[in-house]
């Protein structure tokens, strides 16, 4: 398998004038998640997969339903 086929995230997390809009957007959005260079709790919550929040909501709903039925 050729290792060059994999996309490598940009090293910099700052937008520079020579970057395209897509590179700059990646650097600010997913670049932080890929590099693990969190600057605060907002970055940590931003990098959590949205499916996790959906399943967490479902788990809380089902748990509350079971507790309510047993009450």
Protein backbone atom coordinates (compact mmCIF):
# COMPACT_ATOMS: atom_id res chain seq x y z
CA UNK A 1 0.00 0.00 0.00
CA UNK A 2 1.29 3.42 -0.91
CA UNK A 3 1.67 5.73 2.11
CA UNK A 4 1.39 8.80 -0.10
CA UNK A 5 -2.29 8.10 -0.70
CA UNK A 6 -3.15 9.15 2.87
CA UNK A 7 -3.95 12.81 3.48
CA UNK A 8 -1.53 14.47 5.85
CA UNK A 9 -2.96 17.35 7.90
CA UNK A 10 -1.13 20.65 7.70
CA UNK A 11 1.57 21.12 10.29
CA UNK A 12 0.56 24.67 11.09
CA UNK A 13 -2.64 25.46 12.95
CA UNK A 14 -2.56 29.12 11.91
CA UNK A 15 -3.92 30.54 8.66
CA UNK A 16 -1.31 32.20 6.49
CA UNK A 17 -1.89 34.37 3.40
CA UNK A 18 -0.59 31.67 1.04
CA UNK A 19 -3.11 29.06 2.27
CA UNK A 20 -6.31 28.31 0.38
CA UNK A 21 -9.67 28.73 2.07
CA UNK A 22 -10.04 24.95 2.44
CA UNK A 23 -6.61 24.61 4.09
CA UNK A 24 -7.32 27.49 6.44
CA UNK A 25 -10.72 26.08 7.36
CA UNK A 26 -9.15 22.66 8.02
CA UNK A 27 -6.43 24.23 10.13
CA UNK A 28 -8.98 25.89 12.40
CA UNK A 29 -11.58 23.12 12.48
CA UNK A 30 -10.21 19.60 12.10
CA UNK A 31 -6.52 20.43 12.33
CA UNK A 32 -6.85 20.92 16.07
CA UNK A 33 -8.55 17.53 16.45
CA UNK A 34 -6.08 15.69 14.25
CA UNK A 35 -3.04 17.20 15.94
CA UNK A 36 -4.45 16.97 19.47
CA UNK A 37 -3.30 20.54 20.14
CA UNK A 38 -6.20 21.57 22.36
CA UNK A 39 -6.19 25.15 23.60
CA UNK A 40 -9.03 24.70 26.08
CA UNK A 41 -12.20 22.84 26.92
CA UNK A 42 -14.03 24.29 23.92
CA UNK A 43 -11.61 22.49 21.58
CA UNK A 44 -12.07 19.24 23.50
CA UNK A 45 -15.87 19.40 23.23
CA UNK A 46 -15.64 20.49 19.58
CA UNK A 47 -13.61 17.40 18.68
CA UNK A 48 -16.10 14.93 20.19
CA UNK A 49 -17.97 13.03 17.48
CA UNK A 50 -21.60 14.23 17.10
CA UNK A 51 -22.74 10.60 17.06
CA UNK A 52 -21.44 10.27 20.61
CA UNK A 53 -23.77 13.06 21.75
CA UNK A 54 -26.71 11.38 19.98
CA UNK A 55 -26.03 8.03 21.65
CA UNK A 56 -25.44 9.73 25.00
CA UNK A 57 -28.85 11.43 24.73
CA UNK A 58 -30.46 8.13 23.87
CA UNK A 59 -28.78 6.43 26.83
CA UNK A 60 -29.94 9.15 29.24
CA UNK A 61 -33.49 8.96 27.86
CA UNK A 62 -33.67 5.18 28.17
CA UNK A 63 -32.09 5.28 31.62
CA UNK A 64 -34.60 7.87 32.84
CA UNK A 65 -37.43 5.81 31.37
CA UNK A 66 -36.31 2.68 33.17
CA UNK A 67 -35.86 4.53 36.46
CA UNK A 68 -39.26 6.16 36.01
CA UNK A 69 -40.94 2.81 35.34
CA UNK A 70 -39.32 1.27 38.42
CA UNK A 71 -40.35 4.19 40.61
